[in-house]
Amino acid sequence: MNIVDATDRTEKLDEGEAPSLLTIILDTNPHAWALLTESLSLSKAVANLLIFINAHIAINHANRVAVIASHAERAVWLFPAPARPRYESHADGVHSDGEDSEMQDREAANSDTPSQPRDDANKYRPFAHIEHVLLSSLRQLIDTTTTDALSSTPSTMIAGALTLALTYLSKQIQALPSAMTSAQFNYSDATAVAGGNELSADGSRNQPSMDLSSRILILSVSGDLANQYIPIMNSIFACQRLTIPIDILKLAGDTVFLQQAADATGGIYMALDNNSRAGFLQYLMFAYLADQAGREHLIMPGEGEGVDFRAACFCHRRIVDIGFVCSICLSIFCEPLQDNLCLTCGSHLSMGNYGQKPVVVPKRKKKKKRALADGGADTPASERSTPAP
């Protein structure tokens, strides 16, 4: 009877395609984007990135996406919206609760917050929600960036962005619901926050029943950073163990770490020059849209190109064959350091007797045996001749 009235349809698991989680790390270093204004501006890059995200969502209704900004002095969530504390402390030390919290919730709902997209009948609701939250978060990030922060830190926080991406991937895998049809990640839900966990009705965590295909895409415009070498390599090793590919789309700057990261994790590495930056959207759609399952049936770019595994020093970025290696962080240097302090970890390195000529011990000379004409004492007794009478 249950088969006739289909009462057991809610108990069946979704046997469709497994969901794919795409985590995008956008390098928002203002110093680097200022040099790319003529060929590719940040606003144009974000507009093309939104088209790429919409295409990823349109492939499968269960696909998910997360965007992290690798800024000058910090890494910030752009989508989903960062979690906000419910109880905020005031100057008098009293926490807002009860009616005050309800009033704040009403004001937040009526105000133009990143989690409240505007209704547009001509735009698909999930697409509009992603666009509104991402642009609002990016605009807030740029407005809160001070001149002092840019002058003191001209680099980007790529290591922090990778750490946030790995944390979000771990939480989403653990929070994967048992039935994909009953609980899906709703992009139009205003309560969706970064790193949120989905719990069952009894408060226990659901056990994952379907594999979540995860990958990380890094849009980089900055060069390698020697001071972030250790956390970046730790993140690469973690992705390699979790079989999470790291895709790299290099828009500017020289890099060695990211190229090796893409090769070690099975990702795609591409570098664009001044002429190819105009096709930024085409490279995203044709090279990085397919997930791990789709790439097995495609010829991906960069497969026939070799990876430069030569060591480069951390002080001058020179390719070296023989150098000095720090015993603590394994940083490579082409020449002895000043004050014997490592530039990466700050450890004191003992150079020993470097620069001194080795002491050469002379070899002992062997004494030559003199040959006697009449077969003297050096000649054996059997070989001596009988003396004449």
Foldseek 3Di string as FASTA:
>chain_A
DCVVVVPCVVVDADPDDAEAEEEEEEEPQVVLQVVCVVQDHPVNLVVLVLVLVVVLCVVDVQYHYWYWYFYQPAIATQPPAADDDQWDADPVRDTDDDPRSVVVVVVVQPDQDLLDFDDDPVDDLLSRSSVSSNVVVVVVVVVPDDPVSCVVGSATRVLNSLVLLVLQVVQCQQQAACHCVVDGDDSNDSPDHGSDHHADPVRHGHHDDGDYFYEYEYEDSEEDDLQCVQSLVVSLVVLLVVLHAYEYEYEHYDYQSVLVSNVSSVYHYDYDDSVCSVCVSVCSVPAPSDTPVVVVVDDHPPPPDDHDPFDAAPPPRHGDDDFDADPPRRGTHRDQDVQQADPHPRDRDDPDPPPDDDDDDDDDDDDDDDDDPQQPPVHDPVPHDDDDD
